């Protein structure tokens, strides 16, 4: 998935929590974690799209 795909998922399910990870994989290497975090912030969806750092745990 790319950042536009994630945004489409958010629009389809705006109350869902989306966790974006695996930024070091081959198919995701076109976009860094920091670039994705900036995109999420610009779209104003950072409350719904979580971008954990390597090793970070998210508790619900």
Protein backbone atom coordinates (compact mmCIF):
# COMPACT_ATOMS: atom_id res chain seq x y z
CA UNK A 1 0.00 0.00 0.00
CA UNK A 2 1.14 3.51 -0.61
CA UNK A 3 0.15 6.66 1.26
CA UNK A 4 -2.81 7.32 -1.03
CA UNK A 5 -4.11 3.81 -0.39
CA UNK A 6 -3.92 4.39 3.36
CA UNK A 7 -5.83 7.64 2.96
CA UNK A 8 -8.53 5.82 0.99
CA UNK A 9 -8.83 3.25 3.78
CA UNK A 10 -9.18 6.08 6.29
CA UNK A 11 -11.96 7.66 4.20
CA UNK A 12 -13.77 4.32 3.93
CA UNK A 13 -13.53 3.68 7.68
CA UNK A 14 -12.88 7.03 9.38
CA UNK A 15 -13.30 5.73 12.93
CA UNK A 16 -10.82 2.86 12.49
CA UNK A 17 -7.30 2.90 13.88
CA UNK A 18 -4.79 2.20 11.13
CA UNK A 19 -1.26 1.14 12.02
CA UNK A 20 1.38 1.73 9.35
CA UNK A 21 4.60 -0.22 9.76
CA UNK A 22 7.26 -2.20 7.87
CA UNK A 23 8.86 0.84 6.28
CA UNK A 24 12.12 -1.03 5.70
CA UNK A 25 10.64 -3.65 3.35
CA UNK A 26 11.51 -3.58 -0.33
CA UNK A 27 8.07 -2.52 -1.58
CA UNK A 28 7.85 0.31 0.95
CA UNK A 29 11.35 1.72 0.56
CA UNK A 30 10.08 4.47 -1.76
CA UNK A 31 8.62 6.27 1.26
CA UNK A 32 10.35 6.82 4.57
CA UNK A 33 8.62 6.66 7.92
CA UNK A 34 9.21 10.39 8.39
CA UNK A 35 7.72 11.21 4.97
CA UNK A 36 4.67 9.12 5.81
CA UNK A 37 4.30 10.78 9.22
CA UNK A 38 4.40 14.17 7.48
CA UNK A 39 1.70 13.04 5.01
CA UNK A 40 -0.53 11.83 7.86
CA UNK A 41 -0.04 15.12 9.68
CA UNK A 42 -0.80 17.18 6.55
CA UNK A 43 -4.04 15.24 6.00
CA UNK A 44 -5.00 15.76 9.66
CA UNK A 45 -5.51 12.05 10.26
CA UNK A 46 -2.74 11.47 12.80
CA UNK A 47 -5.31 10.50 15.45
CA UNK A 48 -6.43 7.60 13.28
CA UNK A 49 -3.25 6.54 11.48
CA UNK A 50 -0.53 5.43 13.86
CA UNK A 51 3.08 5.24 12.66
CA UNK A 52 5.10 3.52 15.39
CA UNK A 53 8.87 3.70 15.52
CA UNK A 54 10.91 0.51 15.27
CA UNK A 55 10.37 -1.50 18.45
CA UNK A 56 7.56 0.76 19.67
CA UNK A 57 4.55 -1.02 21.18
CA UNK A 58 1.02 0.25 20.85
CA UNK A 59 -1.48 -0.67 23.55
CA UNK A 60 -5.24 -0.42 23.09
